[in-house]
C-alpha atoms as a PDB file:
ATOM      1  CA  MET A   1     -63.298   2.000  66.504  1.00  0.00           C
ATOM      2  CA  GLY A   2     -60.930  -1.244  65.824  1.00  0.00           C
ATOM      3  CA  TYR A   3     -62.098  -1.072  62.015  1.00  0.00           C
ATOM      4  CA  VAL A   4     -61.086   2.889  61.694  1.00  0.00           C
ATOM      5  CA  ILE A   5     -57.765   1.964  63.052  1.00  0.00           C
ATOM      6  CA  LEU A   6     -56.871  -1.236  60.702  1.00  0.00           C
ATOM      7  CA  LEU A   7     -57.982   0.812  57.843  1.00  0.00           C
ATOM      8  CA  GLY A   8     -55.666   3.599  58.895  1.00  0.00           C
ATOM      9  CA  VAL A   9     -52.997   0.937  59.414  1.00  0.00           C
ATOM     10  CA  ILE A  10     -53.697  -0.488  55.699  1.00  0.00           C
ATOM     11  CA  LEU A  11     -53.516   2.768  53.799  1.00  0.00           C
ATOM     12  CA  LEU A  12     -50.329   3.555  55.786  1.00  0.00           C
ATOM     13  CA  LEU A  13     -49.020   0.268  54.187  1.00  0.00           C
ATOM     14  CA  VAL A  14     -49.816   1.584  50.803  1.00  0.00           C
ATOM     15  CA  VAL A  15     -47.996   4.937  51.438  1.00  0.00           C
ATOM     16  CA  HIS A  16     -45.210   2.727  52.447  1.00  0.00           C
ATOM     17  CA  PHE A  17     -45.158   0.835  49.363  1.00  0.00           C
ATOM     18  CA  TYR A  18     -45.569   3.955  47.268  1.00  0.00           C
ATOM     19  CA  LYS A  19     -42.396   6.052  49.146  1.00  0.00           C
ATOM     20  CA  LYS A  20     -40.298   2.546  49.090  1.00  0.00           C
ATOM     21  CA  ALA A  21     -40.689   2.575  45.102  1.00  0.00           C
ATOM     22  CA  LYS A  22     -39.351   6.095  45.255  1.00  0.00           C
ATOM     23  CA  ARG A  23     -35.809   5.258  46.564  1.00  0.00           C
ATOM     24  CA  GLN A  24     -34.646   7.955  48.945  1.00  0.00           C
ATOM     25  CA  LYS A  25     -31.250   9.188  48.853  1.00  0.00           C
ATOM     26  CA  VAL A  26     -28.885   8.510  51.803  1.00  0.00           C
ATOM     27  CA  GLN A  27     -29.167  12.028  54.094  1.00  0.00           C
ATOM     28  CA  PRO A  28     -26.237  13.448  56.025  1.00  0.00           C
ATOM     29  CA  PHE A  29     -26.164  12.415  59.541  1.00  0.00           C
ATOM     30  CA  PRO A  30     -27.597  15.209  61.833  1.00  0.00           C
ATOM     31  CA  GLU A  31     -24.485  16.252  64.165  1.00  0.00           C
ATOM     32  CA  HIS A  32     -27.058  16.874  66.995  1.00  0.00           C
ATOM     33  CA  TRP A  33     -28.162  13.273  66.803  1.00  0.00           C
ATOM     34  CA  HIS A  34     -24.764  12.158  68.008  1.00  0.00           C
ATOM     35  CA  GLY A  35     -25.725  13.929  71.617  1.00  0.00           C
ATOM     36  CA  LEU A  36     -28.961  11.740  71.540  1.00  0.00           C
ATOM     37  CA  LEU A  37     -27.238   8.353  70.830  1.00  0.00           C
ATOM     38  CA  LEU A  38     -24.893   8.914  73.675  1.00  0.00           C
ATOM     39  CA  ASP A  39     -27.455  10.025  75.829  1.00  0.00           C
ATOM     40  CA  ASN A  40     -29.733   7.044  74.970  1.00  0.00           C
ATOM     41  CA  VAL A  41     -28.226   4.223  73.624  1.00  0.00           C
ATOM     42  CA  LEU A  42     -25.387   2.408  75.623  1.00  0.00           C
ATOM     43  CA  TYR A  43     -23.969   0.293  72.665  1.00  0.00           C
ATOM     44  CA  TYR A  44     -23.157   3.473  70.919  1.00  0.00           C
ATOM     45  CA  ARG A  45     -21.444   5.074  73.446  1.00  0.00           C
ATOM     46  CA  ASN A  46     -19.084   2.112  74.014  1.00  0.00           C
ATOM     47  CA  LEU A  47     -18.080   2.612  70.773  1.00  0.00           C
ATOM     48  CA  SER A  48     -14.588   3.956  69.484  1.00  0.00           C
ATOM     49  CA  LYS A  49     -15.019   7.656  67.665  1.00  0.00           C
ATOM     50  CA  GLU A  50     -14.003   5.633  64.284  1.00  0.00           C
ATOM     51  CA  ARG A  51     -17.090   3.052  64.877  1.00  0.00           C
ATOM     52  CA  GLN A  52     -19.243   5.759  66.117  1.00  0.00           C
ATOM     53  CA  ALA A  53     -18.881   7.367  62.589  1.00  0.00           C
ATOM     54  CA  ALA A  54     -19.364   4.139  61.133  1.00  0.00           C
ATOM     55  CA  PHE A  55     -22.577   3.254  63.123  1.00  0.00           C
ATOM     56  CA  GLN A  56     -24.259   6.919  61.981  1.00  0.00           C
ATOM     57  CA  GLN A  57     -23.249   6.109  58.231  1.00  0.00           C
ATOM     58  CA  ARG A  58     -25.201   2.460  58.745  1.00  0.00           C
ATOM     59  CA  MET A  59     -28.049   4.251  60.645  1.00  0.00           C
ATOM     60  CA  MET A  60     -28.829   6.960  58.053  1.00  0.00           C
ATOM     61  CA  GLN A  61     -28.417   3.966  55.041  1.00  0.00           C
ATOM     62  CA  PHE A  62     -31.047   2.122  57.068  1.00  0.00           C
ATOM     63  CA  LEU A  63     -33.275   5.295  57.229  1.00  0.00           C
ATOM     64  CA  SER A  64     -32.988   5.606  53.425  1.00  0.00           C
ATOM     65  CA  GLU A  65     -34.264   2.220  52.658  1.00  0.00           C
ATOM     66  CA  VAL A  66     -37.232   1.650  55.164  1.00  0.00           C
ATOM     67  CA  TYR A  67     -40.050   4.189  55.621  1.00  0.00           C
ATOM     68  CA  ILE A  68     -41.285   4.995  59.345  1.00  0.00           C
ATOM     69  CA  ASP A  69     -44.643   6.196  60.336  1.00  0.00           C
ATOM     70  CA  GLY A  70     -46.460   6.975  63.206  1.00  0.00           C
ATOM     71  CA  VAL A  71     -49.937   5.388  64.041  1.00  0.00           C
ATOM     72  CA  GLN A  72     -52.112   8.176  66.307  1.00  0.00           C
ATOM     73  CA  LEU A  73     -48.812   9.762  67.061  1.00  0.00           C
ATOM     74  CA  GLU A  74     -46.663  12.445  65.890  1.00  0.00           C
ATOM     75  CA  LEU A  75     -43.065  10.847  64.937  1.00  0.00           C
ATOM     76  CA  HIS A  76     -39.749  12.399  66.444  1.00  0.00           C
ATOM     77  CA  GLU A  77     -36.235  12.404  65.761  1.00  0.00           C
ATOM     78  CA  LEU A  78     -35.689  10.140  68.992  1.00  0.00           C
ATOM     79  CA  ASP A  79     -37.900   7.540  67.715  1.00  0.00           C
ATOM     80  CA  LYS A  80     -36.307   7.294  64.393  1.00  0.00           C
ATOM     81  CA  ILE A  81     -33.149   7.194  65.994  1.00  0.00           C
ATOM     82  CA  LEU A  82     -33.995   4.317  68.457  1.00  0.00           C
ATOM     83  CA  ILE A  83     -35.584   2.556  65.585  1.00  0.00           C
ATOM     84  CA  ALA A  84     -32.285   2.616  63.264  1.00  0.00           C
ATOM     85  CA  ALA A  85     -30.029   2.168  66.495  1.00  0.00           C
ATOM     86  CA  SER A  86     -32.080  -1.190  66.981  1.00  0.00           C
ATOM     87  CA  ALA A  87     -31.628  -2.134  63.129  1.00  0.00           C
ATOM     88  CA  VAL A  88     -27.962  -1.522  63.067  1.00  0.00           C
ATOM     89  CA  ILE A  89     -26.869  -3.111  66.653  1.00  0.00           C
ATOM     90  CA  PRO A  90     -27.290  -6.801  65.562  1.00  0.00           C
ATOM     91  CA  VAL A  91     -25.645  -6.471  62.227  1.00  0.00           C
ATOM     92  CA  PHE A  92     -22.950  -3.915  62.825  1.00  0.00           C
ATOM     93  CA  GLY A  93     -20.358  -6.859  62.698  1.00  0.00           C
ATOM     94  CA  PHE A  94     -21.110  -7.287  58.927  1.00  0.00           C
ATOM     95  CA  GLU A  95     -19.534  -4.703  56.643  1.00  0.00           C
ATOM     96  CA  GLU A  96     -22.754  -4.282  54.840  1.00  0.00           C
ATOM     97  CA  TRP A  97     -26.143  -5.091  55.225  1.00  0.00           C
ATOM     98  CA  HIS A  98     -29.787  -4.676  53.875  1.00  0.00           C
ATOM     99  CA  TYR A  99     -33.218  -5.781  55.315  1.00  0.00           C
ATOM    100  CA  THR A 100     -34.280  -7.014  52.114  1.00  0.00           C
ATOM    101  CA  ASN A 101     -37.355  -8.090  54.013  1.00  0.00           C
ATOM    102  CA  LEU A 102     -38.494  -4.918  55.612  1.00  0.00           C
ATOM    103  CA  SER A 103     -40.144  -2.002  53.609  1.00  0.00           C
ATOM    104  CA  GLY A 104     -41.953   0.043  56.453  1.00  0.00           C
ATOM    105  CA  ILE A 105     -42.399   0.243  60.117  1.00  0.00           C
ATOM    106  CA  LEU A 106     -45.527   1.541  62.140  1.00  0.00           C
ATOM    107  CA  LEU A 107     -44.935   3.039  65.331  1.00  0.00           C
ATOM    108  CA  TYR A 108     -47.934   2.395  67.497  1.00  0.00           C
ATOM    109  CA  PRO A 109     -48.053   4.691  71.122  1.00  0.00           C
ATOM    110  CA  ASP A 110     -48.420   2.031  73.500  1.00  0.00           C
ATOM    111  CA  ASN A 111     -48.595  -2.161  73.383  1.00  0.00           C
ATOM    112  CA  PHE A 112     -51.141  -3.401  71.542  1.00  0.00           C
ATOM    113  CA  ASN A 113     -53.023  -6.992  71.066  1.00  0.00           C
ATOM    114  CA  GLU A 114     -53.198  -9.423  68.223  1.00  0.00           C
ATOM    115  CA  ASP A 115     -55.857  -7.595  66.314  1.00  0.00           C
ATOM    116  CA  MET A 116     -53.092  -4.360  66.350  1.00  0.00           C
ATOM    117  CA  GLN A 117     -55.481  -2.510  68.993  1.00  0.00           C
ATOM    118  CA  PHE A 118     -53.971  -0.554  71.442  1.00  0.00           C
ATOM    119  CA  SER A 119     -57.221   0.906  73.714  1.00  0.00           C
ATOM    120  CA  SER A 120     -56.448   1.620  77.243  1.00  0.00           C
ATOM    121  CA  LYS A 121     -59.652  -0.563  77.693  1.00  0.00           C
ATOM    122  CA  ASP A 122     -58.295  -3.555  76.370  1.00  0.00           C
ATOM    123  CA  LYS A 123     -56.669  -5.528  79.198  1.00  0.00           C
ATOM    124  CA  SER A 124     -54.936  -8.048  76.553  1.00  0.00           C
ATOM    125  CA  ARG A 125     -52.657  -5.659  74.727  1.00  0.00           C
ATOM    126  CA  ASN A 126     -49.224  -7.081  75.524  1.00  0.00           C
ATOM    127  CA  ILE A 127     -47.667  -6.953  72.370  1.00  0.00           C
ATOM    128  CA  GLY A 128     -44.383  -4.526  72.000  1.00  0.00           C
ATOM    129  CA  GLY A 129     -43.710  -5.571  68.639  1.00  0.00           C
ATOM    130  CA  ILE A 130     -44.233  -7.874  65.758  1.00  0.00           C
ATOM    131  CA  VAL A 131     -42.672  -8.765  62.472  1.00  0.00           C
ATOM    132  CA  GLY A 132     -45.640  -8.893  59.909  1.00  0.00           C
ATOM    133  CA  ASN A 133     -46.900 -11.738  57.811  1.00  0.00           C
ATOM    134  CA  GLY A 134     -49.442 -11.817  55.097  1.00  0.00           C
ATOM    135  CA  ARG A 135     -51.003  -8.535  54.461  1.00  0.00           C
ATOM    136  CA  PHE A 136     -48.462  -7.078  56.699  1.00  0.00           C
ATOM    137  CA  GLU A 137     -45.657  -8.678  55.007  1.00  0.00           C
ATOM    138  CA  LYS A 138     -42.203  -6.859  54.967  1.00  0.00           C
ATOM    139  CA  GLN A 139     -43.733  -4.789  57.758  1.00  0.00           C
ATOM    140  CA  MET A 140     -42.901  -4.157  61.098  1.00  0.00           C
ATOM    141  CA  ILE A 141     -44.928  -2.926  64.341  1.00  0.00           C
ATOM    142  CA  LEU A 142     -43.585  -1.582  67.194  1.00  0.00           C
ATOM    143  CA  SER A 143     -44.762   0.193  70.542  1.00  0.00           C
ATOM    144  CA  LYS A 144     -43.061   3.186  71.245  1.00  0.00           C
ATOM    145  CA  LYS A 145     -43.357   2.438  74.945  1.00  0.00           C
ATOM    146  CA  ALA A 146     -41.554  -0.709  74.682  1.00  0.00           C
ATOM    147  CA  LEU A 147     -39.064   0.719  72.190  1.00  0.00           C
ATOM    148  CA  TYR A 148     -37.982   3.387  74.784  1.00  0.00           C
ATOM    149  CA  HIS A 149     -38.271   1.317  77.683  1.00  0.00           C
ATOM    150  CA  GLY A 150     -35.467  -1.039  75.734  1.00  0.00           C
ATOM    151  CA  PHE A 151     -32.538   1.449  75.642  1.00  0.00           C
ATOM    152  CA  LYS A 152     -33.907   3.397  79.085  1.00  0.00           C
ATOM    153  CA  ASN A 153     -33.788   0.418  80.914  1.00  0.00           C
ATOM    154  CA  GLN A 154     -29.720  -0.836  80.596  1.00  0.00           C
ATOM    155  CA  SER A 155     -29.810  -3.849  83.212  1.00  0.00           C
ATOM    156  CA  ASP A 156     -33.147  -5.867  82.333  1.00  0.00           C
ATOM    157  CA  LYS A 157     -31.641  -7.455  79.653  1.00  0.00           C
ATOM    158  CA  ASN A 158     -34.902  -6.546  77.329  1.00  0.00           C
ATOM    159  CA  ASN A 159     -34.818  -4.697  74.219  1.00  0.00           C
ATOM    160  CA  THR A 160     -37.765  -4.672  72.224  1.00  0.00           C
ATOM    161  CA  GLY A 161     -36.430  -3.161  69.028  1.00  0.00           C
ATOM    162  CA  ILE A 162     -33.365  -5.268  68.862  1.00  0.00           C
ATOM    163  CA  HIS A 163     -35.755  -8.367  69.424  1.00  0.00           C
ATOM    164  CA  GLU A 164     -37.532  -7.746  66.464  1.00  0.00           C
ATOM    165  CA  PHE A 165     -34.885  -7.157  64.163  1.00  0.00           C
ATOM    166  CA  VAL A 166     -33.464 -10.054  65.271  1.00  0.00           C
ATOM    167  CA  HIS A 167     -36.724 -12.123  64.074  1.00  0.00           C
ATOM    168  CA  LEU A 168     -36.255 -10.314  60.607  1.00  0.00           C
ATOM    169  CA  ILE A 169     -32.739 -11.533  60.504  1.00  0.00           C
ATOM    170  CA  ASP A 170     -34.054 -14.806  61.291  1.00  0.00           C
ATOM    171  CA  LYS A 171     -36.826 -14.703  58.578  1.00  0.00           C
ATOM    172  CA  LEU A 172     -34.232 -14.032  55.740  1.00  0.00           C
ATOM    173  CA  ASP A 173     -34.076 -17.513  54.942  1.00  0.00           C
ATOM    174  CA  ASP A 174     -38.319 -17.329  54.772  1.00  0.00           C
ATOM    175  CA  PHE A 175     -38.430 -19.197  57.931  1.00  0.00           C
ATOM    176  CA  THR A 176     -38.503 -17.574  61.360  1.00  0.00           C
ATOM    177  CA  ASP A 177     -37.483 -20.777  63.333  1.00  0.00           C
ATOM    178  CA  GLY A 178     -34.346 -19.844  65.419  1.00  0.00           C
ATOM    179  CA  ILE A 179     -31.861 -20.902  62.767  1.00  0.00           C
ATOM    180  CA  PRO A 180     -30.193 -17.622  61.024  1.00  0.00           C
ATOM    181  CA  GLU A 181     -28.904 -19.445  58.098  1.00  0.00           C
ATOM    182  CA  ARG A 182     -27.680 -16.061  56.655  1.00  0.00           C
ATOM    183  CA  LEU A 183     -25.398 -15.896  59.760  1.00  0.00           C
ATOM    184  CA  LEU A 184     -24.248 -19.217  60.882  1.00  0.00           C
ATOM    185  CA  GLU A 185     -21.873 -21.210  58.970  1.00  0.00           C
ATOM    186  CA  HIS A 186     -23.264 -24.692  58.383  1.00  0.00           C
ATOM    187  CA  GLN A 187     -20.935 -26.422  60.766  1.00  0.00           C
ATOM    188  CA  TYR A 188     -22.384 -24.652  63.547  1.00  0.00           C
ATOM    189  CA  THR A 189     -26.131 -25.429  62.640  1.00  0.00           C
ATOM    190  CA  ILE A 190     -26.507 -28.841  64.686  1.00  0.00           C
ATOM    191  CA  PRO A 191     -24.314 -27.476  67.787  1.00  0.00           C
ATOM    192  CA  TRP A 192     -26.749 -24.386  67.848  1.00  0.00           C
ATOM    193  CA  LEU A 193     -29.733 -26.488  68.007  1.00  0.00           C
ATOM    194  CA  LYS A 194     -28.277 -28.568  70.688  1.00  0.00           C
ATOM    195  CA  LEU A 195     -27.453 -25.516  72.693  1.00  0.00           C
ATOM    196  CA  ILE A 196     -30.736 -24.014  72.079  1.00  0.00           C
ATOM    197  CA  HIS A 197     -32.833 -26.836  73.048  1.00  0.00           C
ATOM    198  CA  THR A 198     -30.506 -27.611  76.269  1.00  0.00           C
ATOM    199  CA  GLU A 199     -30.717 -23.758  77.448  1.00  0.00           C
ATOM    200  CA  MET A 200     -34.581 -23.864  76.671  1.00  0.00           C
ATOM    201  CA  GLU A 201     -35.135 -27.087  79.240  1.00  0.00           C
ATOM    202  CA  VAL A 202     -32.932 -24.782  81.736  1.00  0.00           C
ATOM    203  CA  ILE A 203     -35.149 -21.560  81.169  1.00  0.00           C
ATOM    204  CA  ASN A 204     -38.561 -24.051  81.048  1.00  0.00           C
ATOM    205  CA  ALA A 205     -37.356 -25.551  84.593  1.00  0.00           C
ATOM    206  CA  ASN A 206     -37.199 -21.773  86.166  1.00  0.00           C
ATOM    207  CA  LYS A 207     -33.625 -22.432  86.406  1.00  0.00           C
ATOM    208  CA  SER A 208     -32.065 -19.773  84.057  1.00  0.00           C
ATOM    209  CA  ASP A 209     -31.578 -15.994  84.335  1.00  0.00           C
ATOM    210  CA  ILE A 210     -32.790 -15.928  80.566  1.00  0.00           C
ATOM    211  CA  ARG A 211     -36.097 -14.141  80.219  1.00  0.00           C
ATOM    212  CA  ASN A 212     -38.959 -17.247  80.379  1.00  0.00           C
ATOM    213  CA  TYR A 213     -40.356 -16.109  76.809  1.00  0.00           C
ATOM    214  CA  GLY A 214     -37.085 -17.496  75.418  1.00  0.00           C
ATOM    215  CA  GLY A 215     -38.440 -21.045  76.447  1.00  0.00           C
ATOM    216  CA  THR A 216     -41.410 -20.490  74.261  1.00  0.00           C
ATOM    217  CA  ASN A 217     -39.841 -21.819  70.871  1.00  0.00           C
ATOM    218  CA  GLU A 218     -36.723 -21.680  69.039  1.00  0.00           C
ATOM    219  CA  ALA A 219     -37.150 -18.134  67.292  1.00  0.00           C
ATOM    220  CA  GLU A 220     -38.456 -16.622  70.614  1.00  0.00           C
ATOM    221  CA  PHE A 221     -35.234 -18.264  72.302  1.00  0.00           C
ATOM    222  CA  PHE A 222     -32.815 -16.841  69.689  1.00  0.00           C
ATOM    223  CA  ALA A 223     -34.266 -13.043  69.866  1.00  0.00           C
ATOM    224  CA  VAL A 224     -34.316 -13.219  73.743  1.00  0.00           C
ATOM    225  CA  ALA A 225     -30.967 -14.328  73.959  1.00  0.00           C
ATOM    226  CA  ALA A 226     -29.745 -11.558  71.216  1.00  0.00           C
ATOM    227  CA  GLU A 227     -31.460  -9.180  73.641  1.00  0.00           C
ATOM    228  CA  TYR A 228     -29.146  -9.942  76.685  1.00  0.00           C
ATOM    229  CA  PHE A 229     -26.135 -10.361  74.630  1.00  0.00           C
ATOM    230  CA  PHE A 230     -26.289  -6.924  73.490  1.00  0.00           C
ATOM    231  CA  GLU A 231     -27.724  -5.584  76.585  1.00  0.00           C
ATOM    232  CA  ARG A 232     -25.434  -7.331  79.087  1.00  0.00           C
ATOM    233  CA  PRO A 233     -22.505  -8.692  77.465  1.00  0.00           C
ATOM    234  CA  ASP A 234     -20.496  -8.998  80.233  1.00  0.00           C
ATOM    235  CA  LEU A 235     -23.117 -11.004  82.486  1.00  0.00           C
ATOM    236  CA  PHE A 236     -24.224 -13.113  79.248  1.00  0.00           C
ATOM    237  CA  LYS A 237     -20.404 -13.951  78.882  1.00  0.00           C
ATOM    238  CA  ARG A 238     -20.072 -14.960  82.542  1.00  0.00           C
ATOM    239  CA  LYS A 239     -23.141 -17.102  83.081  1.00  0.00           C
ATOM    240  CA  HIS A 240     -23.413 -18.418  79.627  1.00  0.00           C
ATOM    241  CA  PRO A 241     -19.909 -18.728  78.049  1.00  0.00           C
ATOM    242  CA  GLU A 242     -20.967 -21.461  75.301  1.00  0.00           C
ATOM    243  CA  LEU A 243     -23.897 -19.389  74.220  1.00  0.00           C
ATOM    244  CA  TYR A 244     -22.377 -16.348  74.158  1.00  0.00           C
ATOM    245  CA  LYS A 245     -19.376 -17.991  71.779  1.00  0.00           C
ATOM    246  CA  MET A 246     -22.008 -18.789  69.525  1.00  0.00           C
ATOM    247  CA  LEU A 247     -23.420 -15.722  69.193  1.00  0.00           C
ATOM    248  CA  VAL A 248     -20.107 -14.033  68.767  1.00  0.00           C
ATOM    249  CA  GLU A 249     -19.913 -16.116  65.497  1.00  0.00           C
ATOM    250  CA  CYS A 250     -23.346 -15.573  64.598  1.00  0.00           C
ATOM    251  CA  PHE A 251     -23.312 -11.762  64.882  1.00  0.00           C
ATOM    252  CA  ARG A 252     -19.594 -11.417  63.995  1.00  0.00           C
ATOM    253  CA  GLN A 253     -18.998  -8.876  66.912  1.00  0.00           C
ATOM    254  CA  GLU A 254     -17.935  -9.444  70.521  1.00  0.00           C
ATOM    255  CA  PRO A 255     -19.824  -6.552  72.512  1.00  0.00           C
ATOM    256  CA  ALA A 256     -18.055  -7.500  75.908  1.00  0.00           C
ATOM    257  CA  LEU A 257     -15.190  -6.279  74.500  1.00  0.00           C
ATOM    258  CA  LEU A 258     -16.193  -2.850  73.365  1.00  0.00           C
ATOM    259  CA  LYS A 259     -13.999  -0.167  74.707  1.00  0.00           C
ATOM    260  CA  LYS A 260     -11.402  -2.639  76.331  1.00  0.00           C
END
């Protein structure tokens, strides 16, 4: 069964590259998506009408550049909406952004293990998303369950979709190391590293409200901190003011000030 699923994934990747080669036009934003975004994406709901319109355009641009397919599931509109929102949120502070290191996204129905298996019999399936390497280079795999949970629970400071796109941003310099050189100006690199290591020590001493997974390494710290920054910006600013200021510089936006 595992080999069948893996073969299916590889075949889907071939389709992705073929469709990527046939560059798609940017489609008009479907009007009824506005209501779905208001209902499901707090970040979008907090934007002004003008910024919502810009967000819509950025979503459609992203969807024209990246192919999304479901593995053992039928892809729905809300799946695409939440994936596109996850992509746009962390880079919305930039006038223009293209994920040049991403060509396709596979959406799994549930969490999966390191072998990309998501059988209910497998107790090790605890991965909600990954950015691919090797034969999965320029690919992302997301769990639909984890993706939806990230937007449904607006108080837990977790968002798998945003987490994985922040990894992609980090990887733009070919290294997933927690130092997003495309975002951080050079003078901030050393202060950023010092801040990361200080915060990781606090996490690993169980004295931080930043998720424990952020203490794994610098790359995971950056992604976990970004989730918190976008999901609970007011709380993050209050509890981690120095880190908040650094992420404002990094992402060129201040989510705590939306609609204020």
